[in-house]
Amino acid sequence: MEKALVPKQPRLLIVRGKRICLVRGDLQLLAVEDTCPHNGESLSKGAVNFLGEIVCPWHGQQFNLKTGRECAERSRDLVTYPVKEDPEGIFIGI
């Protein structure tokens, strides 16, 4: 799976029925809920900006990938998930 994770390109994962947006950042893997709390759009269809924020493809709301915080405080923050990567694979705590 590691080769399929292009840096700063969001990827949708469905783990135990949860939609998770996974992003390989500069130094680590980051995982947040995939659904924008503002309008329900899939964040994995969005982009990661130069600040390392996931940008909703519909209305452009920006969320910090490390904290889940919506940068302009217009909606609730995203749920974040801990990610562990080791030689055996990638593990997401849900």
PDB file of N, CA and C in Angstrom:
ATOM      1  N   MET A   1       0.819  -1.193   0.000  1.00  0.00           N
ATOM      2  CA  MET A   1       0.000   0.000   0.000  1.00  0.00           C
ATOM      3  C   MET A   1       0.863   1.257   0.000  1.00  0.00           C
ATOM      4  N   GLU A   2       2.040   1.204   0.601  1.00  0.00           N
ATOM      5  CA  GLU A   2       2.884   2.386   0.724  1.00  0.00           C
ATOM      6  C   GLU A   2       3.154   3.036  -0.625  1.00  0.00           C
ATOM      7  N   LYS A   3       3.423   2.246  -1.656  1.00  0.00           N
ATOM      8  CA  LYS A   3       3.710   2.808  -2.969  1.00  0.00           C
ATOM      9  C   LYS A   3       2.495   3.506  -3.572  1.00  0.00           C
ATOM     10  N   ALA A   4       1.304   3.109  -3.143  1.00  0.00           N
ATOM     11  CA  ALA A   4       0.087   3.707  -3.677  1.00  0.00           C
ATOM     12  C   ALA A   4      -0.224   5.049  -3.021  1.00  0.00           C
ATOM     13  N   LEU A   5       0.473   5.386  -1.947  1.00  0.00           N
ATOM     14  CA  LEU A   5       0.223   6.638  -1.243  1.00  0.00           C
ATOM     15  C   LEU A   5       1.157   7.732  -1.746  1.00  0.00           C
ATOM     16  N   VAL A   6       0.647   8.529  -2.645  1.00  0.00           N
ATOM     17  CA  VAL A   6       1.401   9.642  -3.214  1.00  0.00           C
ATOM     18  C   VAL A   6       1.404  10.771  -2.184  1.00  0.00           C
ATOM     19  N   PRO A   7       2.562  11.374  -1.879  1.00  0.00           N
ATOM     20  CA  PRO A   7       2.598  12.461  -0.897  1.00  0.00           C
ATOM     21  C   PRO A   7       1.607  13.575  -1.238  1.00  0.00           C
ATOM     22  N   LYS A   8       0.890  14.010  -0.205  1.00  0.00           N
ATOM     23  CA  LYS A   8      -0.078  15.111  -0.262  1.00  0.00           C
ATOM     24  C   LYS A   8      -1.252  14.867  -1.205  1.00  0.00           C
ATOM     25  N   GLN A   9      -1.502  13.614  -1.544  1.00  0.00           N
ATOM     26  CA  GLN A   9      -2.667  13.266  -2.359  1.00  0.00           C
ATOM     27  C   GLN A   9      -3.630  12.463  -1.486  1.00  0.00           C
ATOM     28  N   PRO A  10      -4.790  13.042  -1.142  1.00  0.00           N
ATOM     29  CA  PRO A  10      -5.740  12.352  -0.263  1.00  0.00           C
ATOM     30  C   PRO A  10      -6.223  11.035  -0.865  1.00  0.00           C
ATOM     31  N   ARG A  11      -6.452  10.080   0.020  1.00  0.00           N
ATOM     32  CA  ARG A  11      -6.933   8.769  -0.416  1.00  0.00           C
ATOM     33  C   ARG A  11      -8.063   8.324   0.505  1.00  0.00           C
ATOM     34  N   LEU A  12      -9.136   7.852  -0.074  1.00  0.00           N
ATOM     35  CA  LEU A  12     -10.272   7.365   0.698  1.00  0.00           C
ATOM     36  C   LEU A  12     -10.038   5.926   1.124  1.00  0.00           C
ATOM     37  N   LEU A  13     -10.242   5.674   2.414  1.00  0.00           N
ATOM     38  CA  LEU A  13     -10.244   4.319   2.952  1.00  0.00           C
ATOM     39  C   LEU A  13     -11.571   4.115   3.653  1.00  0.00           C
ATOM     40  N   ILE A  14     -12.107   2.915   3.569  1.00  0.00           N
ATOM     41  CA  ILE A  14     -13.292   2.578   4.342  1.00  0.00           C
ATOM     42  C   ILE A  14     -12.875   1.451   5.279  1.00  0.00           C
ATOM     43  N   VAL A  15     -12.863   1.778   6.578  1.00  0.00           N
ATOM     44  CA  VAL A  15     -12.397   0.850   7.596  1.00  0.00           C
ATOM     45  C   VAL A  15     -13.539   0.621   8.585  1.00  0.00           C
ATOM     46  N   ARG A  16     -14.016  -0.607   8.642  1.00  0.00           N
ATOM     47  CA  ARG A  16     -15.128  -0.958   9.533  1.00  0.00           C
ATOM     48  C   ARG A  16     -16.302   0.000   9.375  1.00  0.00           C
ATOM     49  N   GLY A  17     -16.605   0.349   8.144  1.00  0.00           N
ATOM     50  CA  GLY A  17     -17.737   1.202   7.834  1.00  0.00           C
ATOM     51  C   GLY A  17     -17.480   2.689   7.984  1.00  0.00           C
ATOM     52  N   LYS A  18     -16.289   3.076   8.440  1.00  0.00           N
ATOM     53  CA  LYS A  18     -15.950   4.492   8.588  1.00  0.00           C
ATOM     54  C   LYS A  18     -15.191   4.967   7.359  1.00  0.00           C
ATOM     55  N   ARG A  19     -15.589   6.121   6.836  1.00  0.00           N
ATOM     56  CA  ARG A  19     -14.895   6.738   5.703  1.00  0.00           C
ATOM     57  C   ARG A  19     -13.759   7.582   6.265  1.00  0.00           C
ATOM     58  N   ILE A  20     -12.543   7.241   5.878  1.00  0.00           N
ATOM     59  CA  ILE A  20     -11.354   7.916   6.396  1.00  0.00           C
ATOM     60  C   ILE A  20     -10.551   8.479   5.233  1.00  0.00           C
ATOM     61  N   CYS A  21     -10.105   9.719   5.397  1.00  0.00           N
ATOM     62  CA  CYS A  21      -9.237  10.373   4.427  1.00  0.00           C
ATOM     63  C   CYS A  21      -7.801  10.226   4.934  1.00  0.00           C
ATOM     64  N   LEU A  22      -6.976   9.509   4.192  1.00  0.00           N
ATOM     65  CA  LEU A  22      -5.586   9.260   4.569  1.00  0.00           C
ATOM     66  C   LEU A  22      -4.676  10.068   3.663  1.00  0.00           C
ATOM     67  N   VAL A  23      -3.694  10.758   4.270  1.00  0.00           N
ATOM     68  CA  VAL A  23      -2.762  11.591   3.516  1.00  0.00           C
ATOM     69  C   VAL A  23      -1.347  11.325   4.008  1.00  0.00           C
ATOM     70  N   ARG A  24      -0.436  11.111   3.070  1.00  0.00           N
ATOM     71  CA  ARG A  24       0.986  11.041   3.428  1.00  0.00           C
ATOM     72  C   ARG A  24       1.498  12.475   3.431  1.00  0.00           C
ATOM     73  N   GLY A  25       1.780  12.998   4.627  1.00  0.00           N
ATOM     74  CA  GLY A  25       2.316  14.347   4.773  1.00  0.00           C
ATOM     75  C   GLY A  25       3.817  14.354   4.550  1.00  0.00           C
ATOM     76  N   ASP A  26       4.447  15.457   4.897  1.00  0.00           N
ATOM     77  CA  ASP A  26       5.896  15.571   4.734  1.00  0.00           C
ATOM     78  C   ASP A  26       6.651  14.571   5.604  1.00  0.00           C
ATOM     79  N   LEU A  27       6.184  14.378   6.841  1.00  0.00           N
ATOM     80  CA  LEU A  27       6.914  13.535   7.781  1.00  0.00           C
ATOM     81  C   LEU A  27       6.150  12.317   8.277  1.00  0.00           C
ATOM     82  N   GLN A  28       4.832  12.278   8.036  1.00  0.00           N
ATOM     83  CA  GLN A  28       4.039  11.194   8.605  1.00  0.00           C
ATOM     84  C   GLN A  28       2.745  10.981   7.844  1.00  0.00           C
ATOM     85  N   LEU A  29       2.089   9.874   8.162  1.00  0.00           N
ATOM     86  CA  LEU A  29       0.751   9.621   7.640  1.00  0.00           C
ATOM     87  C   LEU A  29      -0.261  10.271   8.578  1.00  0.00           C
ATOM     88  N   LEU A  30      -1.285  10.866   8.000  1.00  0.00           N
ATOM     89  CA  LEU A  30      -2.324  11.544   8.766  1.00  0.00           C
ATOM     90  C   LEU A  30      -3.684  11.034   8.315  1.00  0.00           C
ATOM     91  N   ALA A  31      -4.603  10.868   9.273  1.00  0.00           N
ATOM     92  CA  ALA A  31      -5.930  10.359   8.943  1.00  0.00           C
ATOM     93  C   ALA A  31      -6.988  11.195   9.655  1.00  0.00           C
ATOM     94  N   VAL A  32      -7.992  11.603   8.885  1.00  0.00           N
ATOM     95  CA  VAL A  32      -9.136  12.355   9.412  1.00  0.00           C
ATOM     96  C   VAL A  32     -10.407  11.752   8.827  1.00  0.00           C
ATOM     97  N   GLU A  33     -11.546  12.096   9.445  1.00  0.00           N
ATOM     98  CA  GLU A  33     -12.803  11.632   8.852  1.00  0.00           C
ATOM     99  C   GLU A  33     -12.902  12.192   7.442  1.00  0.00           C
ATOM    100  N   ASP A  34     -13.532  11.466   6.557  1.00  0.00           N
ATOM    101  CA  ASP A  34     -13.573  11.850   5.146  1.00  0.00           C
ATOM    102  C   ASP A  34     -14.682  12.842   4.811  1.00  0.00           C
ATOM    103  N   THR A  35     -15.665  12.990   5.665  1.00  0.00           N
ATOM    104  CA  THR A  35     -16.825  13.817   5.350  1.00  0.00           C
ATOM    105  C   THR A  35     -16.674  15.233   5.884  1.00  0.00           C
ATOM    106  N   CYS A  36     -16.793  16.220   5.021  1.00  0.00           N
ATOM    107  CA  CYS A  36     -16.743  17.617   5.433  1.00  0.00           C
ATOM    108  C   CYS A  36     -17.957  17.906   6.319  1.00  0.00           C
ATOM    109  N   PRO A  37     -17.745  18.440   7.532  1.00  0.00           N
ATOM    110  CA  PRO A  37     -18.874  18.707   8.414  1.00  0.00           C
ATOM    111  C   PRO A  37     -19.768  19.858   7.928  1.00  0.00           C
ATOM    112  N   HIS A  38     -19.281  20.642   6.996  1.00  0.00           N
ATOM    113  CA  HIS A  38     -20.057  21.777   6.488  1.00  0.00           C
ATOM    114  C   HIS A  38     -21.141  21.328   5.525  1.00  0.00           C
ATOM    115  N   ASN A  39     -20.769  20.428   4.592  1.00  0.00           N
ATOM    116  CA  ASN A  39     -21.746  20.070   3.563  1.00  0.00           C
ATOM    117  C   ASN A  39     -21.782  18.592   3.205  1.00  0.00           C
ATOM    118  N   GLY A  40     -20.953  17.784   3.856  1.00  0.00           N
ATOM    119  CA  GLY A  40     -20.984  16.347   3.616  1.00  0.00           C
ATOM    120  C   GLY A  40     -20.152  15.858   2.450  1.00  0.00           C
ATOM    121  N   GLU A  41     -19.428  16.734   1.774  1.00  0.00           N
ATOM    122  CA  GLU A  41     -18.602  16.328   0.635  1.00  0.00           C
ATOM    123  C   GLU A  41     -17.428  15.459   1.107  1.00  0.00           C
ATOM    124  N   SER A  42     -16.974  14.570   0.259  1.00  0.00           N
ATOM    125  CA  SER A  42     -15.837  13.704   0.551  1.00  0.00           C
ATOM    126  C   SER A  42     -14.542  14.508   0.472  1.00  0.00           C
ATOM    127  N   LEU A  43     -13.819  14.582   1.590  1.00  0.00           N
ATOM    128  CA  LEU A  43     -12.561  15.334   1.606  1.00  0.00           C
ATOM    129  C   LEU A  43     -11.464  14.645   0.801  1.00  0.00           C
ATOM    130  N   SER A  44     -11.581  13.346   0.598  1.00  0.00           N
ATOM    131  CA  SER A  44     -10.575  12.651  -0.203  1.00  0.00           C
ATOM    132  C   SER A  44     -10.631  13.073  -1.672  1.00  0.00           C
ATOM    133  N   LYS A  45     -11.694  13.775  -2.074  1.00  0.00           N
ATOM    134  CA  LYS A  45     -11.780  14.340  -3.426  1.00  0.00           C
ATOM    135  C   LYS A  45     -11.103  15.710  -3.488  1.00  0.00           C
ATOM    136  N   GLY A  46     -10.697  16.236  -2.332  1.00  0.00           N
ATOM    137  CA  GLY A  46     -10.080  17.554  -2.259  1.00  0.00           C
ATOM    138  C   GLY A  46      -8.580  17.500  -2.495  1.00  0.00           C
ATOM    139  N   ALA A  47      -7.921  18.558  -2.072  1.00  0.00           N
ATOM    140  CA  ALA A  47      -6.476  18.675  -2.251  1.00  0.00           C
ATOM    141  C   ALA A  47      -5.837  19.102  -0.944  1.00  0.00           C
ATOM    142  N   VAL A  48      -4.531  18.903  -0.852  1.00  0.00           N
ATOM    143  CA  VAL A  48      -3.762  19.371   0.292  1.00  0.00           C
ATOM    144  C   VAL A  48      -3.018  20.618  -0.160  1.00  0.00           C
ATOM    145  N   ASN A  49      -3.187  21.710   0.592  1.00  0.00           N
ATOM    146  CA  ASN A  49      -2.531  22.962   0.208  1.00  0.00           C
ATOM    147  C   ASN A  49      -1.097  23.038   0.744  1.00  0.00           C
ATOM    148  N   PHE A  50      -0.421  24.154   0.476  1.00  0.00           N
ATOM    149  CA  PHE A  50       0.987  24.300   0.851  1.00  0.00           C
ATOM    150  C   PHE A  50       1.174  24.374   2.370  1.00  0.00           C
ATOM    151  N   LEU A  51       0.099  24.609   3.122  1.00  0.00           N
ATOM    152  CA  LEU A  51       0.174  24.643   4.587  1.00  0.00           C
ATOM    153  C   LEU A  51      -0.069  23.270   5.209  1.00  0.00           C
ATOM    154  N   GLY A  52      -0.334  22.276   4.369  1.00  0.00           N
ATOM    155  CA  GLY A  52      -0.616  20.939   4.876  1.00  0.00           C
ATOM    156  C   GLY A  52      -2.038  20.778   5.364  1.00  0.00           C
ATOM    157  N   GLU A  53      -2.955  21.552   4.831  1.00  0.00           N
ATOM    158  CA  GLU A  53      -4.368  21.466   5.187  1.00  0.00           C
ATOM    159  C   GLU A  53      -5.125  20.751   4.076  1.00  0.00           C
ATOM    160  N   ILE A  54      -6.135  19.975   4.462  1.00  0.00           N
ATOM    161  CA  ILE A  54      -7.009  19.369   3.462  1.00  0.00           C
ATOM    162  C   ILE A  54      -8.078  20.407   3.121  1.00  0.00           C
ATOM    163  N   VAL A  55      -8.311  20.598   1.827  1.00  0.00           N
ATOM    164  CA  VAL A  55      -9.252  21.614   1.358  1.00  0.00           C
ATOM    165  C   VAL A  55     -10.464  20.905   0.756  1.00  0.00           C
ATOM    166  N   CYS A  56     -11.647  21.222   1.280  1.00  0.00           N
ATOM    167  CA  CYS A  56     -12.882  20.628   0.774  1.00  0.00           C
ATOM    168  C   CYS A  56     -13.075  21.045  -0.683  1.00  0.00           C
ATOM    169  N   PRO A  57     -13.367  20.083  -1.568  1.00  0.00           N
ATOM    170  CA  PRO A  57     -13.514  20.409  -2.986  1.00  0.00           C
ATOM    171  C   PRO A  57     -14.778  21.204  -3.312  1.00  0.00           C
ATOM    172  N   TRP A  58     -15.735  21.249  -2.399  1.00  0.00           N
ATOM    173  CA  TRP A  58     -16.995  21.913  -2.701  1.00  0.00           C
ATOM    174  C   TRP A  58     -16.955  23.399  -2.373  1.00  0.00           C
ATOM    175  N   HIS A  59     -16.702  23.756  -1.118  1.00  0.00           N
ATOM    176  CA  HIS A  59     -16.711  25.163  -0.723  1.00  0.00           C
ATOM    177  C   HIS A  59     -15.354  25.682  -0.264  1.00  0.00           C
ATOM    178  N   GLY A  60     -14.322  24.869  -0.330  1.00  0.00           N
ATOM    179  CA  GLY A  60     -12.973  25.325  -0.026  1.00  0.00           C
ATOM    180  C   GLY A  60     -12.633  25.451   1.445  1.00  0.00           C
ATOM    181  N   GLN A  61     -13.458  24.893   2.337  1.00  0.00           N
ATOM    182  CA  GLN A  61     -13.087  24.957   3.751  1.00  0.00           C
ATOM    183  C   GLN A  61     -11.795  24.178   3.967  1.00  0.00           C
ATOM    184  N   GLN A  62     -10.960  24.703   4.856  1.00  0.00           N
ATOM    185  CA  GLN A  62      -9.634  24.125   5.089  1.00  0.00           C
ATOM    186  C   GLN A  62      -9.558  23.556   6.497  1.00  0.00           C
ATOM    187  N   PHE A  63      -8.986  22.357   6.599  1.00  0.00           N
ATOM    188  CA  PHE A  63      -8.868  21.674   7.878  1.00  0.00           C
ATOM    189  C   PHE A  63      -7.418  21.253   8.103  1.00  0.00           C
ATOM    190  N   ASN A  64      -6.911  21.515   9.309  1.00  0.00           N
ATOM    191  CA  ASN A  64      -5.571  21.093   9.685  1.00  0.00           C
ATOM    192  C   ASN A  64      -5.572  19.572   9.781  1.00  0.00           C
ATOM    193  N   LEU A  65      -4.691  18.922   9.052  1.00  0.00           N
ATOM    194  CA  LEU A  65      -4.668  17.459   9.033  1.00  0.00           C
ATOM    195  C   LEU A  65      -4.183  16.866  10.349  1.00  0.00           C
ATOM    196  N   LYS A  66      -3.377  17.580  11.101  1.00  0.00           N
ATOM    197  CA  LYS A  66      -2.870  17.054  12.372  1.00  0.00           C
ATOM    198  C   LYS A  66      -3.894  17.172  13.495  1.00  0.00           C
ATOM    199  N   THR A  67      -4.612  18.274  13.533  1.00  0.00           N
ATOM    200  CA  THR A  67      -5.536  18.529  14.645  1.00  0.00           C
ATOM    201  C   THR A  67      -7.006  18.365  14.262  1.00  0.00           C
ATOM    202  N   GLY A  68      -7.317  18.421  12.971  1.00  0.00           N
ATOM    203  CA  GLY A  68      -8.697  18.372  12.497  1.00  0.00           C
ATOM    204  C   GLY A  68      -9.405  19.715  12.553  1.00  0.00           C
ATOM    205  N   ARG A  69      -8.743  20.735  13.048  1.00  0.00           N
ATOM    206  CA  ARG A  69      -9.377  22.041  13.243  1.00  0.00           C
ATOM    207  C   ARG A  69      -9.717  22.714  11.919  1.00  0.00           C
ATOM    208  N   GLU A  70     -10.946  23.235  11.832  1.00  0.00           N
ATOM    209  CA  GLU A  70     -11.365  24.001  10.659  1.00  0.00           C
ATOM    210  C   GLU A  70     -10.748  25.384  10.807  1.00  0.00           C
ATOM    211  N   CYS A  71      -9.958  25.787   9.852  1.00  0.00           N
ATOM    212  CA  CYS A  71      -9.080  26.949   9.983  1.00  0.00           C
ATOM    213  C   CYS A  71      -9.796  28.278  10.202  1.00  0.00           C
ATOM    214  N   ALA A  72     -11.000  28.458   9.678  1.00  0.00           N
ATOM    215  CA  ALA A  72     -11.723  29.721   9.845  1.00  0.00           C
ATOM    216  C   ALA A  72     -12.841  29.605  10.879  1.00  0.00           C
ATOM    217  N   GLU A  73     -12.920  28.459  11.556  1.00  0.00           N
ATOM    218  CA  GLU A  73     -13.924  28.212  12.594  1.00  0.00           C
ATOM    219  C   GLU A  73     -15.354  28.424  12.103  1.00  0.00           C
ATOM    220  N   ARG A  74     -15.642  27.935  10.887  1.00  0.00           N
ATOM    221  CA  ARG A  74     -16.984  28.037  10.303  1.00  0.00           C
ATOM    222  C   ARG A  74     -17.814  26.782  10.523  1.00  0.00           C
ATOM    223  N   SER A  75     -17.160  25.700  10.932  1.00  0.00           N
ATOM    224  CA  SER A  75     -17.871  24.446  11.179  1.00  0.00           C
ATOM    225  C   SER A  75     -17.128  23.692  12.277  1.00  0.00           C
ATOM    226  N   ARG A  76     -17.684  22.586  12.676  1.00  0.00           N
ATOM    227  CA  ARG A  76     -17.001  21.790  13.705  1.00  0.00           C
ATOM    228  C   ARG A  76     -15.700  21.221  13.136  1.00  0.00           C
ATOM    229  N   ASP A  77     -14.818  20.828  14.021  1.00  0.00           N
ATOM    230  CA  ASP A  77     -13.551  20.241  13.616  1.00  0.00           C
ATOM    231  C   ASP A  77     -13.757  18.792  13.167  1.00  0.00           C
ATOM    232  N   LEU A  78     -12.779  18.276  12.430  1.00  0.00           N
ATOM    233  CA  LEU A  78     -12.812  16.886  11.980  1.00  0.00           C
ATOM    234  C   LEU A  78     -12.353  15.951  13.083  1.00  0.00           C
ATOM    235  N   VAL A  79     -12.842  14.735  13.046  1.00  0.00           N
ATOM    236  CA  VAL A  79     -12.321  13.677  13.892  1.00  0.00           C
ATOM    237  C   VAL A  79     -10.988  13.245  13.281  1.00  0.00           C
ATOM    238  N   THR A  80      -9.957  13.113  14.123  1.00  0.00           N
ATOM    239  CA  THR A  80      -8.654  12.635  13.657  1.00  0.00           C
ATOM    240  C   THR A  80      -8.435  11.212  14.179  1.00  0.00           C
ATOM    241  N   TYR A  81      -7.617  10.463  13.485  1.00  0.00           N
ATOM    242  CA  TYR A  81      -7.325   9.089  13.872  1.00  0.00           C
ATOM    243  C   TYR A  81      -5.819   8.892  13.967  1.00  0.00           C
ATOM    244  N   PRO A  82      -5.354   8.208  15.015  1.00  0.00           N
ATOM    245  CA  PRO A  82      -3.913   7.922  15.103  1.00  0.00           C
ATOM    246  C   PRO A  82      -3.509   6.910  14.031  1.00  0.00           C
ATOM    247  N   VAL A  83      -2.331   7.121  13.472  1.00  0.00           N
ATOM    248  CA  VAL A  83      -1.821   6.236  12.430  1.00  0.00           C
ATOM    249  C   VAL A  83      -0.442   5.733  12.832  1.00  0.00           C
ATOM    250  N   LYS A  84      -0.233   4.454  12.661  1.00  0.00           N
ATOM    251  CA  LYS A  84       1.067   3.839  12.928  1.00  0.00           C
ATOM    252  C   LYS A  84       1.497   3.131  11.649  1.00  0.00           C
ATOM    253  N   GLU A  85       2.730   3.358  11.261  1.00  0.00           N
ATOM    254  CA  GLU A  85       3.274   2.694  10.070  1.00  0.00           C
ATOM    255  C   GLU A  85       4.528   1.944  10.482  1.00  0.00           C
ATOM    256  N   ASP A  86       4.580   0.666  10.151  1.00  0.00           N
ATOM    257  CA  ASP A  86       5.768  -0.135  10.421  1.00  0.00           C
ATOM    258  C   ASP A  86       5.951  -1.128   9.275  1.00  0.00           C
ATOM    259  N   PRO A  87       6.974  -1.950   9.317  1.00  0.00           N
ATOM    260  CA  PRO A  87       7.209  -2.885   8.210  1.00  0.00           C
ATOM    261  C   PRO A  87       6.046  -3.839   7.929  1.00  0.00           C
ATOM    262  N   GLU A  88       5.179  -4.072   8.907  1.00  0.00           N
ATOM    263  CA  GLU A  88       4.049  -4.968   8.702  1.00  0.00           C
ATOM    264  C   GLU A  88       2.880  -4.298   7.993  1.00  0.00           C
ATOM    265  N   GLY A  89       2.847  -2.965   8.003  1.00  0.00           N
ATOM    266  CA  GLY A  89       1.753  -2.274   7.332  1.00  0.00           C
ATOM    267  C   GLY A  89       1.410  -0.947   7.974  1.00  0.00           C
ATOM    268  N   ILE A  90       0.237  -0.453   7.623  1.00  0.00           N
ATOM    269  CA  ILE A  90      -0.290   0.801   8.142  1.00  0.00           C
ATOM    270  C   ILE A  90      -1.488   0.463   9.017  1.00  0.00           C
ATOM    271  N   PHE A  91      -1.498   1.020  10.231  1.00  0.00           N
ATOM    272  CA  PHE A  91      -2.552   0.734  11.196  1.00  0.00           C
ATOM    273  C   PHE A  91      -3.218   2.044  11.609  1.00  0.00           C
ATOM    274  N   ILE A  92      -4.548   2.076  11.550  1.00  0.00           N
ATOM    275  CA  ILE A  92      -5.320   3.271  11.908  1.00  0.00           C
ATOM    276  C   ILE A  92      -6.178   2.926  13.123  1.00  0.00           C
ATOM    277  N   GLY A  93      -6.038   3.731  14.165  1.00  0.00           N
ATOM    278  CA  GLY A  93      -6.835   3.518  15.373  1.00  0.00           C
ATOM    279  C   GLY A  93      -8.216   4.141  15.212  1.00  0.00           C
ATOM    280  N   ILE A  94      -9.262   3.309  15.236  1.00  0.00           N
ATOM    281  CA  ILE A  94     -10.606   3.864  15.092  1.00  0.00           C
ATOM    282  C   ILE A  94     -11.447   3.576  16.329  1.00  0.00           C
TER     283      ILE A  94
END
